[in-house]
Amino acid sequence: MSEVLEKYEKYSVELAALEDIYITSRYTPRVFEENEVKRLKSVIDEVVKCLGGPVGQGG
């Protein structure tokens, strides 16, 4: 199984939450707890690392 697919399966709930946050952020303000932000940020960091780093960074 590819590493990307493994990350998707491992973090499907967090990735769905990020999608919802992105879509609703235009319409509804939301306050996040620090632990929520840290958890989502760690998922983003792990997925970006898996994909080879930030776009435009030559990674």
N, C-alpha and C. Protein backbone atom coordinates (compact mmCIF):
# COMPACT_ATOMS: atom_id res chain seq x y z
N MET A 1 0.85 -1.18 0.00
CA MET A 1 0.00 0.00 0.00
C MET A 1 0.90 1.24 0.00
N SER A 2 0.52 2.25 -0.75
CA SER A 2 1.36 3.44 -0.83
C SER A 2 1.30 4.22 0.49
N GLU A 3 2.35 4.96 0.72
CA GLU A 3 2.44 5.76 1.95
C GLU A 3 1.32 6.81 2.01
N VAL A 4 0.97 7.39 0.87
CA VAL A 4 -0.09 8.39 0.82
C VAL A 4 -1.42 7.77 1.22
N LEU A 5 -1.72 6.61 0.70
CA LEU A 5 -2.97 5.92 1.04
C LEU A 5 -3.00 5.54 2.52
N GLU A 6 -1.87 5.14 3.05
CA GLU A 6 -1.80 4.81 4.47
C GLU A 6 -2.10 6.04 5.33
N LYS A 7 -1.54 7.18 4.95
CA LYS A 7 -1.80 8.43 5.69
C LYS A 7 -3.27 8.81 5.59
N TYR A 8 -3.84 8.66 4.40
CA TYR A 8 -5.25 8.98 4.22
C TYR A 8 -6.12 8.12 5.13
N GLU A 9 -5.85 6.85 5.17
CA GLU A 9 -6.64 5.95 6.00
C GLU A 9 -6.43 6.24 7.49
N LYS A 10 -5.20 6.53 7.86
CA LYS A 10 -4.88 6.81 9.26
C LYS A 10 -5.54 8.11 9.73
N TYR A 11 -5.58 9.11 8.87
CA TYR A 11 -6.05 10.44 9.25
C TYR A 11 -7.32 10.87 8.53
N SER A 12 -8.15 9.94 8.13
CA SER A 12 -9.36 10.29 7.37
C SER A 12 -10.28 11.22 8.14
N VAL A 13 -10.42 11.03 9.43
CA VAL A 13 -11.29 11.90 10.23
C VAL A 13 -10.73 13.32 10.30
N GLU A 14 -9.43 13.43 10.55
CA GLU A 14 -8.80 14.74 10.63
C GLU A 14 -8.83 15.47 9.28
N LEU A 15 -8.59 14.73 8.20
CA LEU A 15 -8.62 15.35 6.88
C LEU A 15 -10.03 15.80 6.51
N ALA A 16 -11.04 15.04 6.89
CA ALA A 16 -12.42 15.45 6.65
C ALA A 16 -12.74 16.70 7.48
N ALA A 17 -12.25 16.75 8.70
CA ALA A 17 -12.46 17.93 9.55
C ALA A 17 -11.82 19.16 8.92
N LEU A 18 -10.61 19.01 8.40
CA LEU A 18 -9.94 20.13 7.73
C LEU A 18 -10.73 20.61 6.52
N GLU A 19 -11.29 19.68 5.78
CA GLU A 19 -12.11 20.06 4.63
C GLU A 19 -13.33 20.85 5.08
N ASP A 20 -14.00 20.38 6.12
CA ASP A 20 -15.17 21.09 6.64
C ASP A 20 -14.78 22.48 7.15
N ILE A 21 -13.67 22.57 7.84
CA ILE A 21 -13.19 23.85 8.36
C ILE A 21 -12.94 24.81 7.21
N TYR A 22 -12.29 24.34 6.17
CA TYR A 22 -11.98 25.18 5.01
C TYR A 22 -13.27 25.71 4.36
N ILE A 23 -14.23 24.83 4.16
CA ILE A 23 -15.47 25.22 3.47
C ILE A 23 -16.30 26.18 4.33
N THR A 24 -16.46 25.86 5.59
CA THR A 24 -17.33 26.69 6.44
C THR A 24 -16.67 27.96 6.94
N SER A 25 -15.35 28.08 6.82
CA SER A 25 -14.66 29.26 7.35
C SER A 25 -15.09 30.55 6.66
N ARG A 26 -15.62 30.47 5.46
CA ARG A 26 -16.10 31.67 4.78
C ARG A 26 -17.38 32.20 5.38
N TYR A 27 -18.13 31.32 6.03
CA TYR A 27 -19.48 31.67 6.46
C TYR A 27 -19.66 31.72 7.97
N THR A 28 -18.93 30.92 8.68
CA THR A 28 -19.12 30.80 10.13
C THR A 28 -17.79 30.87 10.86
N PRO A 29 -17.62 31.87 11.71
CA PRO A 29 -16.39 31.90 12.50
C PRO A 29 -16.40 30.77 13.54
N ARG A 30 -15.25 30.27 13.85
CA ARG A 30 -15.15 29.19 14.82
C ARG A 30 -13.92 29.40 15.68
N VAL A 31 -14.06 29.13 16.95
CA VAL A 31 -12.94 29.20 17.89
C VAL A 31 -12.47 27.78 18.14
N PHE A 32 -11.15 27.59 18.06
CA PHE A 32 -10.58 26.26 18.26
C PHE A 32 -9.83 26.19 19.57
N GLU A 33 -9.86 25.05 20.17
CA GLU A 33 -9.04 24.79 21.35
C GLU A 33 -7.61 24.55 20.89
N GLU A 34 -6.68 24.87 21.74
CA GLU A 34 -5.26 24.71 21.39
C GLU A 34 -4.93 23.27 21.02
N ASN A 35 -5.49 22.31 21.73
CA ASN A 35 -5.19 20.90 21.43
C ASN A 35 -5.73 20.49 20.06
N GLU A 36 -6.87 21.08 19.62
CA GLU A 36 -7.40 20.79 18.29
C GLU A 36 -6.43 21.29 17.21
N VAL A 37 -5.95 22.50 17.40
CA VAL A 37 -5.03 23.10 16.43
C VAL A 37 -3.74 22.29 16.35
N LYS A 38 -3.21 21.91 17.50
CA LYS A 38 -1.96 21.14 17.52
C LYS A 38 -2.15 19.79 16.82
N ARG A 39 -3.27 19.13 17.07
CA ARG A 39 -3.53 17.83 16.45
C ARG A 39 -3.63 17.96 14.93
N LEU A 40 -4.43 18.93 14.46
CA LEU A 40 -4.59 19.11 13.02
C LEU A 40 -3.28 19.55 12.37
N LYS A 41 -2.52 20.40 13.04
CA LYS A 41 -1.23 20.85 12.50
C LYS A 41 -0.27 19.67 12.37
N SER A 42 -0.27 18.76 13.34
CA SER A 42 0.64 17.61 13.25
C SER A 42 0.25 16.70 12.09
N VAL A 43 -1.06 16.56 11.84
CA VAL A 43 -1.53 15.76 10.70
C VAL A 43 -1.08 16.42 9.39
N ILE A 44 -1.27 17.72 9.28
CA ILE A 44 -0.84 18.45 8.08
C ILE A 44 0.65 18.26 7.85
N ASP A 45 1.44 18.44 8.90
CA ASP A 45 2.90 18.29 8.77
C ASP A 45 3.28 16.89 8.29
N GLU A 46 2.63 15.88 8.82
CA GLU A 46 2.95 14.50 8.44
C GLU A 46 2.55 14.22 6.98
N VAL A 47 1.40 14.72 6.57
CA VAL A 47 0.95 14.50 5.20
C VAL A 47 1.84 15.25 4.21
N VAL A 48 2.19 16.50 4.53
CA VAL A 48 3.07 17.28 3.65
C VAL A 48 4.43 16.61 3.54
N LYS A 49 4.95 16.10 4.64
CA LYS A 49 6.23 15.39 4.63
C LYS A 49 6.14 14.15 3.73
N CYS A 50 5.04 13.44 3.82
CA CYS A 50 4.81 12.25 3.00
C CYS A 50 4.79 12.60 1.51
N LEU A 51 4.23 13.76 1.20
CA LEU A 51 4.10 14.19 -0.20
C LEU A 51 5.37 14.82 -0.74
N GLY A 52 6.37 15.00 0.09
CA GLY A 52 7.65 15.52 -0.38
C GLY A 52 7.91 16.96 -0.02
N GLY A 53 7.15 17.51 0.90
CA GLY A 53 7.39 18.87 1.35
C GLY A 53 6.49 19.88 0.69
N PRO A 54 6.60 21.12 1.13
CA PRO A 54 5.76 22.19 0.58
C PRO A 54 5.98 22.41 -0.90
N VAL A 55 4.94 22.78 -1.60
CA VAL A 55 5.02 23.07 -3.02
C VAL A 55 5.92 24.29 -3.21
N GLY A 56 6.78 24.23 -4.21
CA GLY A 56 7.67 25.35 -4.49
C GLY A 56 8.93 25.37 -3.66
N GLN A 57 9.12 24.39 -2.80
CA GLN A 57 10.30 24.34 -1.95
C GLN A 57 11.37 23.40 -2.51
N GLY A 58 11.09 22.78 -3.65
CA GLY A 58 12.07 21.87 -4.23
C GLY A 58 12.20 20.57 -3.47
N GLY A 59 11.18 20.29 -2.61
CA GLY A 59 11.25 19.16 -1.70
C GLY A 59 10.89 17.87 -2.28
